[in-house]
Amino acid sequence: MAESRIFNLLKPIAPPETVWDKIYDWILGRARVVILITELLIVGAFVGKVVVDTTAKNKDNQIYSLQSELAFYTDKEPVFRDIQKRDTQYVNIWNKSSGYSAILDEIFSYIPNPGAQLTIRFDKGKVSILGYDDLDSLKTLETSLKNSKTFTNASVNTLSLEQKEVLQAKGLYILEATIVNPKREALTAN
């Protein structure tokens, strides 16, 4: 038996829609999208609120930590300021003063007799050596100072000999020389 198929191209006849039918269709169609978007907005607002609250709590903790650190350093700040001021003053004093240590080492390297009685005096870029020693040692010292690049105008200003010292070739002398560059290397303040 062959079944017959029927094609109905007409719309089914339905009763006219009531208000409730229209509301039901709207809820199943457009309202579902509106509700979904609203729910997504609510979830986004909740996540944003959690992030903002967490950040605010972290900021509160950070503010508390920084306030306690500030309270700790409040008592220490005058000490730090004083140390900075002293450091700056030390650098200024260092840079404006002369460096005689290297010059003194050089003078001692020229003295052949380490047991000689010497007084070394520095004054405004000049060095005066007062000593009592052998005259040959004096001549060696004077020659060394004249040949040095650190000193200029090296000369014996005073030489005092007594009769018994002449026989021993010893005497009291004052040797003076001008220092070429008595300044130290400059420091920088940090």
N, C-alpha and C. Protein backbone atom coordinates (compact mmCIF):
# COMPACT_ATOMS: atom_id res chain seq x y z
N MET A 1 0.81 -1.15 0.00
CA MET A 1 0.00 0.00 0.00
C MET A 1 0.88 1.25 0.00
N ALA A 2 0.53 2.05 -0.75
CA ALA A 2 1.30 3.27 -0.90
C ALA A 2 0.69 4.36 -0.04
N GLU A 3 1.55 4.92 0.70
CA GLU A 3 1.06 6.00 1.56
C GLU A 3 1.07 7.29 0.76
N SER A 4 0.14 8.04 0.99
CA SER A 4 0.12 9.32 0.30
C SER A 4 0.58 10.41 1.25
N ARG A 5 1.29 11.25 0.67
CA ARG A 5 1.79 12.36 1.49
C ARG A 5 1.04 13.60 1.10
N ILE A 6 0.81 14.39 2.17
CA ILE A 6 0.06 15.62 1.93
C ILE A 6 0.97 16.78 2.35
N PHE A 7 1.05 17.72 1.48
CA PHE A 7 1.80 18.94 1.81
C PHE A 7 0.82 20.06 1.99
N ASN A 8 0.88 20.69 3.16
CA ASN A 8 -0.01 21.82 3.45
C ASN A 8 0.86 23.06 3.52
N LEU A 9 0.75 23.95 2.59
CA LEU A 9 1.56 25.16 2.54
C LEU A 9 0.88 26.32 3.25
N LEU A 10 -0.22 26.11 3.79
CA LEU A 10 -0.94 27.16 4.52
C LEU A 10 -0.51 27.14 5.98
N LYS A 11 -0.57 28.30 6.57
CA LYS A 11 -0.27 28.39 8.00
C LYS A 11 -1.39 27.71 8.76
N PRO A 12 -0.96 27.07 9.88
CA PRO A 12 -2.03 26.46 10.65
C PRO A 12 -2.94 27.53 11.22
N ILE A 13 -4.10 27.23 11.35
CA ILE A 13 -5.07 28.18 11.88
C ILE A 13 -5.00 28.07 13.39
N ALA A 14 -4.70 29.21 14.00
CA ALA A 14 -4.58 29.25 15.46
C ALA A 14 -5.45 30.38 15.95
N PRO A 15 -5.86 30.23 17.18
CA PRO A 15 -6.66 31.34 17.71
C PRO A 15 -5.77 32.57 17.88
N PRO A 16 -6.29 33.75 17.86
CA PRO A 16 -5.47 34.95 18.03
C PRO A 16 -4.77 34.94 19.39
N GLU A 17 -3.55 35.53 19.39
CA GLU A 17 -2.76 35.52 20.62
C GLU A 17 -3.36 36.46 21.64
N THR A 18 -3.29 35.98 22.84
CA THR A 18 -3.77 36.82 23.94
C THR A 18 -2.57 37.58 24.49
N VAL A 19 -2.83 38.43 25.43
CA VAL A 19 -1.75 39.21 26.06
C VAL A 19 -0.77 38.28 26.73
N TRP A 20 -1.27 37.24 27.35
CA TRP A 20 -0.39 36.30 28.05
C TRP A 20 0.46 35.52 27.07
N ASP A 21 -0.08 35.23 25.92
CA ASP A 21 0.73 34.54 24.90
C ASP A 21 1.87 35.44 24.41
N LYS A 22 1.59 36.72 24.24
CA LYS A 22 2.63 37.66 23.80
C LYS A 22 3.73 37.81 24.87
N ILE A 23 3.33 37.88 26.12
CA ILE A 23 4.30 37.98 27.21
C ILE A 23 5.15 36.71 27.25
N TYR A 24 4.51 35.56 27.09
CA TYR A 24 5.23 34.29 27.11
C TYR A 24 6.24 34.23 25.96
N ASP A 25 5.85 34.59 24.77
CA ASP A 25 6.78 34.62 23.63
C ASP A 25 7.93 35.61 23.87
N TRP A 26 7.64 36.76 24.46
CA TRP A 26 8.68 37.76 24.73
C TRP A 26 9.69 37.21 25.76
N ILE A 27 9.16 36.53 26.80
CA ILE A 27 10.04 35.95 27.83
C ILE A 27 10.93 34.88 27.20
N LEU A 28 10.40 34.06 26.33
CA LEU A 28 11.21 33.01 25.70
C LEU A 28 12.19 33.58 24.67
N GLY A 29 11.96 34.75 24.15
CA GLY A 29 12.80 35.33 23.10
C GLY A 29 13.72 36.42 23.64
N ARG A 30 13.23 37.61 23.61
CA ARG A 30 14.05 38.77 23.94
C ARG A 30 14.38 38.88 25.43
N ALA A 31 13.52 38.56 26.29
CA ALA A 31 13.75 38.70 27.73
C ALA A 31 14.89 37.80 28.19
N ARG A 32 15.02 36.64 27.55
CA ARG A 32 16.10 35.74 27.91
C ARG A 32 17.45 36.42 27.66
N VAL A 33 17.59 37.12 26.57
CA VAL A 33 18.83 37.83 26.25
C VAL A 33 19.05 38.97 27.25
N VAL A 34 17.99 39.73 27.57
CA VAL A 34 18.11 40.84 28.52
C VAL A 34 18.50 40.32 29.90
N ILE A 35 17.88 39.23 30.31
CA ILE A 35 18.21 38.65 31.64
C ILE A 35 19.65 38.14 31.65
N LEU A 36 20.09 37.51 30.56
CA LEU A 36 21.45 37.02 30.49
C LEU A 36 22.46 38.18 30.57
N ILE A 37 22.20 39.23 29.84
CA ILE A 37 23.09 40.40 29.88
C ILE A 37 23.10 41.01 31.28
N THR A 38 21.93 41.10 31.91
CA THR A 38 21.84 41.66 33.26
C THR A 38 22.63 40.79 34.25
N GLU A 39 22.50 39.47 34.13
CA GLU A 39 23.25 38.58 35.02
C GLU A 39 24.75 38.74 34.82
N LEU A 40 25.19 38.87 33.56
CA LEU A 40 26.61 39.09 33.30
C LEU A 40 27.09 40.42 33.90
N LEU A 41 26.26 41.46 33.81
CA LEU A 41 26.62 42.74 34.41
C LEU A 41 26.73 42.63 35.93
N ILE A 42 25.82 41.88 36.54
CA ILE A 42 25.86 41.70 37.99
C ILE A 42 27.12 40.92 38.40
N VAL A 43 27.46 39.85 37.65
CA VAL A 43 28.67 39.09 37.96
C VAL A 43 29.91 39.97 37.77
N GLY A 44 29.95 40.77 36.71
CA GLY A 44 31.08 41.69 36.48
C GLY A 44 31.20 42.71 37.59
N ALA A 45 30.06 43.24 38.04
CA ALA A 45 30.09 44.20 39.15
C ALA A 45 30.59 43.54 40.43
N PHE A 46 30.20 42.31 40.67
CA PHE A 46 30.64 41.59 41.86
C PHE A 46 32.16 41.36 41.83
N VAL A 47 32.65 40.91 40.67
CA VAL A 47 34.10 40.69 40.53
C VAL A 47 34.85 42.02 40.70
N GLY A 48 34.33 43.07 40.09
CA GLY A 48 34.96 44.40 40.25
C GLY A 48 34.97 44.85 41.69
N LYS A 49 33.88 44.61 42.39
CA LYS A 49 33.80 44.98 43.81
C LYS A 49 34.82 44.20 44.65
N VAL A 50 34.98 42.91 44.35
CA VAL A 50 35.97 42.09 45.07
C VAL A 50 37.37 42.63 44.81
N VAL A 51 37.68 42.96 43.55
CA VAL A 51 39.00 43.49 43.21
C VAL A 51 39.24 44.82 43.91
N VAL A 52 38.26 45.70 43.89
CA VAL A 52 38.40 47.01 44.54
C VAL A 52 38.57 46.85 46.05
N ASP A 53 37.79 45.97 46.66
CA ASP A 53 37.91 45.76 48.11
C ASP A 53 39.27 45.18 48.47
N THR A 54 39.75 44.23 47.66
CA THR A 54 41.06 43.64 47.94
C THR A 54 42.16 44.68 47.79
N THR A 55 42.07 45.49 46.75
CA THR A 55 43.06 46.55 46.54
C THR A 55 43.02 47.56 47.68
N ALA A 56 41.81 47.91 48.10
CA ALA A 56 41.68 48.87 49.21
C ALA A 56 42.27 48.28 50.50
N LYS A 57 42.02 47.00 50.73
CA LYS A 57 42.58 46.37 51.93
C LYS A 57 44.10 46.35 51.86
N ASN A 58 44.65 46.02 50.67
CA ASN A 58 46.10 46.04 50.51
C ASN A 58 46.66 47.45 50.70
N LYS A 59 45.95 48.44 50.18
CA LYS A 59 46.39 49.83 50.36
C LYS A 59 46.36 50.22 51.83
N ASP A 60 45.33 49.78 52.55
CA ASP A 60 45.25 50.08 53.98
C ASP A 60 46.44 49.45 54.72
N ASN A 61 46.76 48.19 54.37
CA ASN A 61 47.91 47.53 54.98
C ASN A 61 49.21 48.26 54.63
N GLN A 62 49.32 48.68 53.38
CA GLN A 62 50.52 49.40 52.95
C GLN A 62 50.63 50.75 53.66
N ILE A 63 49.52 51.45 53.81
CA ILE A 63 49.52 52.73 54.53
C ILE A 63 49.94 52.52 55.98
N TYR A 64 49.41 51.48 56.61
CA TYR A 64 49.77 51.20 58.00
C TYR A 64 51.27 50.89 58.12
N SER A 65 51.77 50.08 57.17
CA SER A 65 53.19 49.72 57.19
C SER A 65 54.07 50.96 56.99
N LEU A 66 53.71 51.80 56.04
CA LEU A 66 54.50 53.01 55.79
C LEU A 66 54.41 54.00 56.95
N GLN A 67 53.25 54.08 57.60
CA GLN A 67 53.14 54.96 58.77
C GLN A 67 54.01 54.47 59.92
N SER A 68 54.06 53.16 60.12
CA SER A 68 54.91 52.64 61.20
C SER A 68 56.38 52.85 60.86
N GLU A 69 56.76 52.71 59.58
CA GLU A 69 58.14 52.96 59.17
C GLU A 69 58.48 54.44 59.33
N LEU A 70 57.55 55.30 58.96
CA LEU A 70 57.76 56.73 59.12
C LEU A 70 57.90 57.11 60.60
N ALA A 71 57.09 56.50 61.44
CA ALA A 71 57.19 56.77 62.88
C ALA A 71 58.55 56.31 63.42
N PHE A 72 59.06 55.20 62.90
CA PHE A 72 60.37 54.71 63.34
C PHE A 72 61.47 55.69 62.93
N TYR A 73 61.42 56.19 61.68
CA TYR A 73 62.48 57.06 61.18
C TYR A 73 62.32 58.51 61.62
N THR A 74 61.20 58.86 62.19
CA THR A 74 61.01 60.24 62.65
C THR A 74 62.04 60.58 63.73
N ASP A 75 62.29 59.65 64.64
CA ASP A 75 63.28 59.89 65.68
C ASP A 75 64.70 59.84 65.13
N LYS A 76 64.91 59.06 64.08
CA LYS A 76 66.26 58.87 63.53
C LYS A 76 66.65 59.94 62.51
N GLU A 77 65.67 60.66 61.97
CA GLU A 77 65.96 61.61 60.90
C GLU A 77 66.95 62.69 61.30
N PRO A 78 66.85 63.30 62.48
CA PRO A 78 67.87 64.31 62.84
C PRO A 78 69.29 63.73 62.86
N VAL A 79 69.42 62.48 63.26
CA VAL A 79 70.74 61.85 63.27
C VAL A 79 71.25 61.69 61.84
N PHE A 80 70.38 61.23 60.93
CA PHE A 80 70.77 61.08 59.54
C PHE A 80 71.14 62.43 58.92
N ARG A 81 70.36 63.44 59.21
CA ARG A 81 70.65 64.78 58.67
C ARG A 81 72.00 65.28 59.18
N ASP A 82 72.28 65.02 60.45
CA ASP A 82 73.55 65.43 61.03
C ASP A 82 74.71 64.70 60.35
N ILE A 83 74.54 63.42 60.10
CA ILE A 83 75.60 62.64 59.43
C ILE A 83 75.82 63.16 58.01
N GLN A 84 74.74 63.47 57.30
CA GLN A 84 74.88 64.03 55.95
C GLN A 84 75.61 65.36 55.98
N LYS A 85 75.27 66.20 56.95
CA LYS A 85 75.91 67.51 57.06
C LYS A 85 77.39 67.34 57.38
N ARG A 86 77.71 66.44 58.28
CA ARG A 86 79.12 66.21 58.63
C ARG A 86 79.89 65.64 57.46
N ASP A 87 79.26 64.75 56.70
CA ASP A 87 79.91 64.18 55.53
C ASP A 87 80.23 65.27 54.51
N THR A 88 79.28 66.15 54.27
CA THR A 88 79.50 67.25 53.33
C THR A 88 80.60 68.17 53.84
N GLN A 89 80.59 68.46 55.13
CA GLN A 89 81.65 69.31 55.69
C GLN A 89 83.01 68.64 55.58
N TYR A 90 83.07 67.33 55.83
CA TYR A 90 84.34 66.61 55.73
C TYR A 90 84.87 66.66 54.31
N VAL A 91 83.98 66.46 53.32
CA VAL A 91 84.41 66.50 51.92
C VAL A 91 84.93 67.89 51.59
N ASN A 92 84.25 68.94 52.06
CA ASN A 92 84.73 70.31 51.80
C ASN A 92 86.09 70.55 52.44
N ILE A 93 86.25 70.13 53.68
CA ILE A 93 87.54 70.31 54.36
C ILE A 93 88.63 69.53 53.63
N TRP A 94 88.31 68.29 53.25
CA TRP A 94 89.29 67.45 52.55
C TRP A 94 89.73 68.09 51.25
N ASN A 95 88.76 68.59 50.46
CA ASN A 95 89.07 69.14 49.15
C ASN A 95 89.84 70.46 49.25
N LYS A 96 89.64 71.21 50.31
CA LYS A 96 90.31 72.50 50.45
C LYS A 96 91.66 72.38 51.17
N SER A 97 91.93 71.25 51.77
CA SER A 97 93.17 71.12 52.53
C SER A 97 94.27 70.50 51.68
N SER A 98 95.45 70.53 52.23
CA SER A 98 96.61 69.99 51.53
C SER A 98 96.85 68.55 51.96
N GLY A 99 97.47 67.81 51.09
CA GLY A 99 97.79 66.41 51.40
C GLY A 99 99.28 66.27 51.63
N TYR A 100 99.67 66.28 52.87
CA TYR A 100 101.09 66.26 53.20
C TYR A 100 101.62 64.86 53.49
N SER A 101 100.78 63.87 53.53
CA SER A 101 101.25 62.52 53.86
C SER A 101 102.22 62.00 52.81
N ALA A 102 101.85 62.13 51.54
CA ALA A 102 102.73 61.65 50.47
C ALA A 102 104.01 62.47 50.42
N ILE A 103 103.91 63.76 50.69
CA ILE A 103 105.09 64.63 50.68
C ILE A 103 106.03 64.24 51.83
N LEU A 104 105.45 63.97 52.97
CA LEU A 104 106.24 63.57 54.14
C LEU A 104 106.94 62.23 53.87
N ASP A 105 106.24 61.30 53.25
CA ASP A 105 106.85 60.01 52.89
C ASP A 105 108.03 60.22 51.94
N GLU A 106 107.85 61.14 50.98
CA GLU A 106 108.93 61.41 50.03
C GLU A 106 110.15 62.01 50.75
N ILE A 107 109.91 62.94 51.67
CA ILE A 107 111.02 63.55 52.42
C ILE A 107 111.77 62.48 53.21
N PHE A 108 111.04 61.61 53.90
CA PHE A 108 111.69 60.55 54.68
C PHE A 108 112.45 59.57 53.79
N SER A 109 111.99 59.39 52.55
CA SER A 109 112.73 58.49 51.66
C SER A 109 114.08 59.10 51.25
N TYR A 110 114.22 60.43 51.32
CA TYR A 110 115.48 61.09 50.96
C TYR A 110 116.48 61.14 52.12
N ILE A 111 116.03 60.89 53.32
CA ILE A 111 116.90 60.99 54.49
C ILE A 111 117.66 59.69 54.64
N PRO A 112 119.01 59.74 54.53
CA PRO A 112 119.77 58.49 54.59
C PRO A 112 119.89 57.93 56.01
N ASN A 113 119.79 58.78 57.00
CA ASN A 113 119.93 58.35 58.39
C ASN A 113 118.57 58.41 59.07
N PRO A 114 117.89 57.27 59.25
CA PRO A 114 116.56 57.31 59.85
C PRO A 114 116.56 57.73 61.32
N GLY A 115 117.71 57.71 61.96
CA GLY A 115 117.79 58.11 63.36
C GLY A 115 118.12 59.58 63.54
N ALA A 116 118.11 60.36 62.47
CA ALA A 116 118.46 61.78 62.54
C ALA A 116 117.41 62.54 63.34
N GLN A 117 117.88 63.58 64.02
CA GLN A 117 116.97 64.43 64.79
C GLN A 117 116.38 65.47 63.83
N LEU A 118 115.10 65.33 63.52
CA LEU A 118 114.45 66.20 62.53
C LEU A 118 113.15 66.76 63.06
N THR A 119 112.87 67.97 62.63
CA THR A 119 111.55 68.56 62.82
C THR A 119 111.12 69.06 61.45
N ILE A 120 109.98 68.59 60.98
CA ILE A 120 109.48 68.99 59.66
C ILE A 120 108.23 69.82 59.88
N ARG A 121 108.23 70.99 59.23
CA ARG A 121 107.11 71.92 59.42
C ARG A 121 106.57 72.33 58.05
N PHE A 122 105.24 72.25 57.90
CA PHE A 122 104.57 72.67 56.67
C PHE A 122 103.86 73.98 56.95
N ASP A 123 104.02 74.93 56.03
CA ASP A 123 103.36 76.22 56.21
C ASP A 123 103.10 76.85 54.85
N LYS A 124 101.84 76.94 54.46
CA LYS A 124 101.40 77.63 53.24
C LYS A 124 102.19 77.23 52.00
N GLY A 125 102.25 75.94 51.75
CA GLY A 125 102.91 75.46 50.55
C GLY A 125 104.42 75.38 50.65
N LYS A 126 104.95 75.56 51.83
CA LYS A 126 106.40 75.45 52.02
C LYS A 126 106.67 74.42 53.09
N VAL A 127 107.84 73.79 52.99
CA VAL A 127 108.26 72.83 53.99
C VAL A 127 109.61 73.30 54.54
N SER A 128 109.72 73.25 55.87
CA SER A 128 110.97 73.59 56.54
C SER A 128 111.43 72.37 57.31
N ILE A 129 112.68 71.99 57.11
CA ILE A 129 113.23 70.82 57.79
C ILE A 129 114.33 71.33 58.71
N LEU A 130 114.11 71.21 60.00
CA LEU A 130 115.09 71.59 61.01
C LEU A 130 115.72 70.31 61.52
N GLY A 131 117.04 70.24 61.44
CA GLY A 131 117.65 68.99 61.83
C GLY A 131 119.07 69.16 62.33
N TYR A 132 119.54 68.12 62.97
CA TYR A 132 120.93 68.04 63.42
C TYR A 132 121.45 66.71 62.89
N ASP A 133 122.35 66.81 61.92
CA ASP A 133 122.80 65.59 61.28
C ASP A 133 124.15 65.82 60.62
N ASP A 134 124.69 64.76 60.05
CA ASP A 134 125.94 64.79 59.31
C ASP A 134 125.79 65.70 58.10
N LEU A 135 126.83 66.47 57.76
CA LEU A 135 126.76 67.42 56.65
C LEU A 135 126.64 66.70 55.30
N ASP A 136 127.19 65.52 55.19
CA ASP A 136 127.02 64.75 53.95
C ASP A 136 125.56 64.35 53.77
N SER A 137 124.89 63.98 54.86
CA SER A 137 123.47 63.64 54.79
C SER A 137 122.65 64.86 54.40
N LEU A 138 123.04 66.02 54.93
CA LEU A 138 122.36 67.27 54.57
C LEU A 138 122.51 67.55 53.08
N LYS A 139 123.72 67.36 52.57
CA LYS A 139 123.96 67.60 51.15
C LYS A 139 123.13 66.63 50.30
N THR A 140 123.06 65.37 50.70
CA THR A 140 122.25 64.37 49.98
C THR A 140 120.78 64.76 50.00
N LEU A 141 120.29 65.21 51.16
CA LEU A 141 118.89 65.62 51.29
C LEU A 141 118.60 66.82 50.42
N GLU A 142 119.47 67.81 50.43
CA GLU A 142 119.27 69.02 49.62
C GLU A 142 119.27 68.68 48.14
N THR A 143 120.19 67.84 47.70
CA THR A 143 120.26 67.44 46.29
C THR A 143 119.00 66.67 45.88
N SER A 144 118.54 65.79 46.75
CA SER A 144 117.34 65.01 46.44
C SER A 144 116.12 65.91 46.33
N LEU A 145 116.01 66.90 47.21
CA LEU A 145 114.87 67.82 47.14
C LEU A 145 114.94 68.68 45.88
N LYS A 146 116.15 69.09 45.48
CA LYS A 146 116.29 69.88 44.26
C LYS A 146 115.94 69.07 43.02
N ASN A 147 116.25 67.78 43.02
CA ASN A 147 115.97 66.93 41.87
C ASN A 147 114.53 66.41 41.84
N SER A 148 113.80 66.60 42.91
CA SER A 148 112.43 66.09 42.99
C SER A 148 111.47 66.99 42.21
N LYS A 149 110.43 66.38 41.64
CA LYS A 149 109.39 67.15 40.94
C LYS A 149 108.37 67.74 41.90
N THR A 150 108.41 67.29 43.13
CA THR A 150 107.46 67.77 44.13
C THR A 150 107.89 69.10 44.72
N PHE A 151 109.18 69.39 44.72
CA PHE A 151 109.70 70.58 45.39
C PHE A 151 110.42 71.49 44.41
N THR A 152 110.40 72.79 44.72
CA THR A 152 111.20 73.78 44.01
C THR A 152 111.89 74.65 45.05
N ASN A 153 112.90 75.38 44.65
CA ASN A 153 113.62 76.34 45.51
C ASN A 153 114.13 75.68 46.79
N ALA A 154 114.67 74.52 46.70
CA ALA A 154 115.22 73.86 47.89
C ALA A 154 116.59 74.45 48.19
N SER A 155 116.76 74.94 49.42
CA SER A 155 118.05 75.53 49.80
C SER A 155 118.21 75.48 51.32
N VAL A 156 119.46 75.51 51.75
CA VAL A 156 119.77 75.55 53.17
C VAL A 156 119.79 77.02 53.57
N ASN A 157 118.89 77.42 54.43
CA ASN A 157 118.83 78.82 54.86
C ASN A 157 119.75 79.08 56.04
N THR A 158 119.84 78.15 56.94
CA THR A 158 120.65 78.35 58.13
C THR A 158 121.50 77.11 58.36
N LEU A 159 122.77 77.35 58.65
CA LEU A 159 123.67 76.25 59.00
C LEU A 159 124.52 76.74 60.17
N SER A 160 124.37 76.07 61.28
CA SER A 160 125.07 76.48 62.50
C SER A 160 126.03 75.37 62.91
N LEU A 161 127.32 75.73 63.03
CA LEU A 161 128.33 74.75 63.41
C LEU A 161 129.12 75.29 64.60
N GLU A 162 129.34 74.44 65.56
CA GLU A 162 130.24 74.79 66.67
C GLU A 162 131.57 74.10 66.40
N GLN A 163 132.59 74.48 67.20
CA GLN A 163 133.95 74.02 66.90
C GLN A 163 134.06 72.50 66.92
N LYS A 164 133.50 71.85 67.92
CA LYS A 164 133.60 70.39 67.97
C LYS A 164 132.76 69.73 66.88
N GLU A 165 131.68 70.42 66.42
CA GLU A 165 130.84 69.87 65.35
C GLU A 165 131.55 69.94 64.00
N VAL A 166 132.43 70.95 63.83
CA VAL A 166 133.18 71.05 62.59
C VAL A 166 134.09 69.85 62.44
N LEU A 167 134.66 69.44 63.53
CA LEU A 167 135.54 68.27 63.49
C LEU A 167 134.75 66.99 63.20
N GLN A 168 133.51 66.93 63.69
CA GLN A 168 132.68 65.73 63.47
C GLN A 168 131.89 65.84 62.16
N ALA A 169 131.94 66.98 61.50
CA ALA A 169 131.18 67.25 60.26
C ALA A 169 129.68 67.11 60.50
N LYS A 170 129.23 67.63 61.64
CA LYS A 170 127.80 67.63 61.97
C LYS A 170 127.39 69.06 62.27
N GLY A 171 126.12 69.33 62.08
CA GLY A 171 125.67 70.68 62.38
C GLY A 171 124.16 70.77 62.42
N LEU A 172 123.70 71.93 62.92
CA LEU A 172 122.27 72.25 63.00
C LEU A 172 121.91 73.03 61.74
N TYR A 173 120.87 72.64 61.06
CA TYR A 173 120.52 73.29 59.80
C TYR A 173 119.01 73.48 59.68
N ILE A 174 118.66 74.42 58.80
CA ILE A 174 117.26 74.60 58.39
C ILE A 174 117.25 74.57 56.87
N LEU A 175 116.57 73.59 56.33
CA LEU A 175 116.45 73.43 54.88
C LEU A 175 115.01 73.76 54.51
N GLU A 176 114.83 74.66 53.54
CA GLU A 176 113.48 75.05 53.12
C GLU A 176 113.29 74.74 51.65
N ALA A 177 112.04 74.39 51.31
CA ALA A 177 111.68 74.11 49.91
C ALA A 177 110.21 74.47 49.72
N THR A 178 109.87 74.83 48.50
CA THR A 178 108.48 75.15 48.14
C THR A 178 107.86 73.90 47.53
N ILE A 179 106.63 73.61 47.97
CA ILE A 179 105.91 72.43 47.45
C ILE A 179 105.20 72.84 46.17
N VAL A 180 105.34 72.04 45.12
CA VAL A 180 104.74 72.38 43.83
C VAL A 180 103.23 72.30 43.88
N ASN A 181 102.67 71.19 44.32
CA ASN A 181 101.21 71.03 44.36
C ASN A 181 100.82 70.32 45.65
N PRO A 182 100.48 71.08 46.69
CA PRO A 182 100.17 70.43 47.96
C PRO A 182 98.73 69.96 48.10
N LYS A 183 97.89 70.12 47.09
CA LYS A 183 96.47 69.75 47.19
C LYS A 183 96.27 68.25 47.06
N ARG A 184 95.24 67.77 47.74
CA ARG A 184 94.87 66.35 47.67
C ARG A 184 93.97 66.10 46.49
N GLU A 185 93.76 64.84 46.20
CA GLU A 185 92.76 64.48 45.20
C GLU A 185 91.39 64.78 45.77
N ALA A 186 90.51 65.34 44.97
CA ALA A 186 89.21 65.77 45.45
C ALA A 186 88.29 64.58 45.70
N LEU A 187 87.50 64.68 46.76
CA LEU A 187 86.45 63.70 47.05
C LEU A 187 85.14 64.25 46.53
N THR A 188 84.20 63.38 46.32
CA THR A 188 82.86 63.82 45.93
C THR A 188 81.87 63.35 46.97
N ALA A 189 80.92 64.22 47.30
CA ALA A 189 79.89 63.85 48.27
C ALA A 189 78.83 63.02 47.56
N ASN A 190 78.39 61.96 48.20
CA ASN A 190 77.35 61.10 47.61
C ASN A 190 76.00 61.60 48.00
